[in-house]
C-alpha atoms as a PDB file:
ATOM      1  CA  MET A   1       0.000   0.000   0.000  1.00  0.00           C
ATOM      2  CA  ASP A   2       1.251   3.491  -0.868  1.00  0.00           C
ATOM      3  CA  ASN A   3       1.565   5.694   2.238  1.00  0.00           C
ATOM      4  CA  HIS A   4       2.912   8.892   0.682  1.00  0.00           C
ATOM      5  CA  ASN A   5      -0.581  10.392   0.797  1.00  0.00           C
ATOM      6  CA  ALA A   6      -1.236   9.421   4.413  1.00  0.00           C
ATOM      7  CA  GLU A   7      -1.984  13.008   5.504  1.00  0.00           C
ATOM      8  CA  PRO A   8      -5.584  14.128   5.077  1.00  0.00           C
ATOM      9  CA  HIS A   9      -6.184  16.708   2.390  1.00  0.00           C
ATOM     10  CA  GLN A  10      -6.697  20.170   3.768  1.00  0.00           C
ATOM     11  CA  ALA A  11      -9.602  22.106   2.362  1.00  0.00           C
ATOM     12  CA  HIS A  12      -8.550  25.435   0.946  1.00  0.00           C
ATOM     13  CA  GLY A  13     -11.148  27.889   2.069  1.00  0.00           C
ATOM     14  CA  GLY A  14     -12.411  29.916   4.940  1.00  0.00           C
ATOM     15  CA  SER A  15     -15.072  29.449   7.519  1.00  0.00           C
ATOM     16  CA  LEU A  16     -18.373  31.268   7.558  1.00  0.00           C
ATOM     17  CA  LYS A  17     -17.033  33.385  10.433  1.00  0.00           C
ATOM     18  CA  SER A  18     -13.964  34.394   8.383  1.00  0.00           C
ATOM     19  CA  TYR A  19     -16.073  35.323   5.355  1.00  0.00           C
ATOM     20  CA  THR A  20     -18.540  37.258   7.518  1.00  0.00           C
ATOM     21  CA  ILE A  21     -15.747  39.261   9.192  1.00  0.00           C
ATOM     22  CA  GLY A  22     -14.193  39.995   5.808  1.00  0.00           C
ATOM     23  CA  PHE A  23     -17.535  41.036   4.349  1.00  0.00           C
ATOM     24  CA  ILE A  24     -18.371  43.356   7.259  1.00  0.00           C
ATOM     25  CA  LEU A  25     -14.897  44.948   7.153  1.00  0.00           C
ATOM     26  CA  SER A  26     -15.264  45.458   3.398  1.00  0.00           C
ATOM     27  CA  ILE A  27     -18.639  47.143   3.838  1.00  0.00           C
ATOM     28  CA  VAL A  28     -17.305  49.424   6.606  1.00  0.00           C
ATOM     29  CA  LEU A  29     -14.235  50.311   4.526  1.00  0.00           C
ATOM     30  CA  THR A  30     -16.532  51.185   1.622  1.00  0.00           C
ATOM     31  CA  ILE A  31     -18.894  53.323   3.708  1.00  0.00           C
ATOM     32  CA  ILE A  32     -16.148  55.449   5.346  1.00  0.00           C
ATOM     33  CA  PRO A  33     -14.933  57.141   2.114  1.00  0.00           C
ATOM     34  CA  LEU A  34     -18.510  57.481   0.899  1.00  0.00           C
ATOM     35  CA  VAL A  35     -19.517  59.379   4.062  1.00  0.00           C
ATOM     36  CA  LEU A  36     -16.395  61.555   3.883  1.00  0.00           C
ATOM     37  CA  VAL A  37     -17.049  62.524   0.266  1.00  0.00           C
ATOM     38  CA  MET A  38     -20.825  62.946   0.478  1.00  0.00           C
ATOM     39  CA  ASN A  39     -20.660  65.179   3.567  1.00  0.00           C
ATOM     40  CA  HIS A  40     -17.542  67.148   2.559  1.00  0.00           C
ATOM     41  CA  MET A  41     -16.077  66.444   5.993  1.00  0.00           C
ATOM     42  CA  LEU A  42     -12.412  67.101   5.052  1.00  0.00           C
ATOM     43  CA  ASN A  43     -10.525  69.103   2.471  1.00  0.00           C
ATOM     44  CA  THR A  44      -9.722  67.511  -0.880  1.00  0.00           C
ATOM     45  CA  THR A  45      -6.166  66.440  -0.062  1.00  0.00           C
ATOM     46  CA  ALA A  46      -7.081  64.823   3.260  1.00  0.00           C
ATOM     47  CA  THR A  47     -10.041  63.050   1.675  1.00  0.00           C
ATOM     48  CA  LEU A  48      -7.864  61.719  -1.138  1.00  0.00           C
ATOM     49  CA  VAL A  49      -5.214  60.460   1.297  1.00  0.00           C
ATOM     50  CA  ILE A  50      -7.825  58.706   3.435  1.00  0.00           C
ATOM     51  CA  ILE A  51      -9.436  57.128   0.374  1.00  0.00           C
ATOM     52  CA  LEU A  52      -6.066  55.813  -0.803  1.00  0.00           C
ATOM     53  CA  LEU A  53      -5.189  54.445   2.645  1.00  0.00           C
ATOM     54  CA  ILE A  54      -8.569  52.760   2.981  1.00  0.00           C
ATOM     55  CA  ALA A  55      -8.183  51.290  -0.520  1.00  0.00           C
ATOM     56  CA  VAL A  56      -4.871  49.700   0.475  1.00  0.00           C
ATOM     57  CA  LEU A  57      -6.422  48.424   3.699  1.00  0.00           C
ATOM     58  CA  GLN A  58      -9.384  47.010   1.816  1.00  0.00           C
ATOM     59  CA  PHE A  59      -6.998  45.298  -0.630  1.00  0.00           C
ATOM     60  CA  ALA A  60      -5.258  43.641   2.322  1.00  0.00           C
ATOM     61  CA  ILE A  61      -8.614  42.575   3.802  1.00  0.00           C
ATOM     62  CA  GLN A  62      -9.640  41.012   0.478  1.00  0.00           C
ATOM     63  CA  MET A  63      -6.333  39.140   0.213  1.00  0.00           C
ATOM     64  CA  ILE A  64      -6.478  37.817   3.784  1.00  0.00           C
ATOM     65  CA  PHE A  65     -10.155  36.941   4.187  1.00  0.00           C
ATOM     66  CA  PHE A  66     -11.198  35.982   0.641  1.00  0.00           C
ATOM     67  CA  MET A  67      -8.025  34.999  -1.247  1.00  0.00           C
ATOM     68  CA  HIS A  68      -6.533  33.193   1.801  1.00  0.00           C
ATOM     69  CA  ILE A  69      -3.005  34.485   1.141  1.00  0.00           C
ATOM     70  CA  LYS A  70      -1.994  33.946   4.770  1.00  0.00           C
ATOM     71  CA  GLU A  71      -3.125  30.294   4.717  1.00  0.00           C
ATOM     72  CA  GLU A  72      -1.123  29.319   1.651  1.00  0.00           C
ATOM     73  CA  GLN A  73       1.469  26.584   2.151  1.00  0.00           C
ATOM     74  CA  LYS A  74       4.951  26.692   0.668  1.00  0.00           C
ATOM     75  CA  PRO A  75       5.795  27.238  -2.151  1.00  0.00           C
ATOM     76  CA  ARG A  76       3.694  30.379  -2.237  1.00  0.00           C
ATOM     77  CA  TYR A  77       2.886  30.591  -5.929  1.00  0.00           C
ATOM     78  CA  ASN A  78      -0.219  32.747  -5.439  1.00  0.00           C
ATOM     79  CA  LEU A  79       1.745  35.270  -3.380  1.00  0.00           C
ATOM     80  CA  MET A  80       4.568  35.352  -5.939  1.00  0.00           C
ATOM     81  CA  ALA A  81       2.059  35.874  -8.761  1.00  0.00           C
ATOM     82  CA  LEU A  82       0.413  38.673  -6.761  1.00  0.00           C
ATOM     83  CA  ILE A  83       3.745  40.408  -6.184  1.00  0.00           C
ATOM     84  CA  LEU A  84       4.650  40.092  -9.877  1.00  0.00           C
ATOM     85  CA  GLY A  85       1.275  41.567 -10.833  1.00  0.00           C
ATOM     86  CA  LEU A  86       1.778  44.473  -8.425  1.00  0.00           C
ATOM     87  CA  VAL A  87       5.269  45.151  -9.821  1.00  0.00           C
ATOM     88  CA  ILE A  88       3.885  45.194 -13.359  1.00  0.00           C
ATOM     89  CA  LEU A  89       0.994  47.455 -12.292  1.00  0.00           C
ATOM     90  CA  VAL A  90       3.284  49.927 -10.515  1.00  0.00           C
ATOM     91  CA  THR A  91       5.668  49.943 -13.487  1.00  0.00           C
ATOM     92  CA  ILE A  92       2.892  50.676 -15.989  1.00  0.00           C
ATOM     93  CA  VAL A  93       1.198  53.351 -13.866  1.00  0.00           C
ATOM     94  CA  SER A  94       4.403  55.135 -12.818  1.00  0.00           C
ATOM     95  CA  GLY A  95       5.807  54.916 -16.352  1.00  0.00           C
ATOM     96  CA  SER A  96       2.621  56.372 -17.797  1.00  0.00           C
ATOM     97  CA  ILE A  97       2.618  59.226 -15.279  1.00  0.00           C
ATOM     98  CA  TRP A  98       6.296  59.902 -15.956  1.00  0.00           C
ATOM     99  CA  ILE A  99       5.743  59.982 -19.723  1.00  0.00           C
ATOM    100  CA  MET A 100       2.697  62.256 -19.423  1.00  0.00           C
ATOM    101  CA  THR A 101       4.515  64.614 -17.053  1.00  0.00           C
ATOM    102  CA  TYR A 102       7.944  64.925 -18.645  1.00  0.00           C
ATOM    103  CA  ASN A 103       7.217  64.340 -22.317  1.00  0.00           C
ATOM    104  CA  ALA A 104       5.376  67.609 -22.829  1.00  0.00           C
ATOM    105  CA  VAL A 105       6.615  69.431 -25.922  1.00  0.00           C
ATOM    106  CA  ALA A 106       7.163  73.130 -25.368  1.00  0.00           C
ATOM    107  CA  HIS A 107       6.005  75.358 -28.241  1.00  0.00           C
END
């Protein structure tokens, strides 16, 4: 008999509690910027900074509670693919901004 698969298979997924916490945090992190913008509670720069910070926080919440990045066993292919995607995204966005800013032709 072959015993190399003696360990039980672990289900890759979260519990109802984990999904509920993630969902509630996502809703709260969506409502906060909405309230700030709709009620003009802060100036434009402060509102923009808070929106960006909450977006990063919400990204982390999505990765932890729904994509299960923290539960991944080694080798961490999903995490490596995520990092590669982020590097490509940052390269494209920063390169586009750089080209639009410094490639203006003076007449």
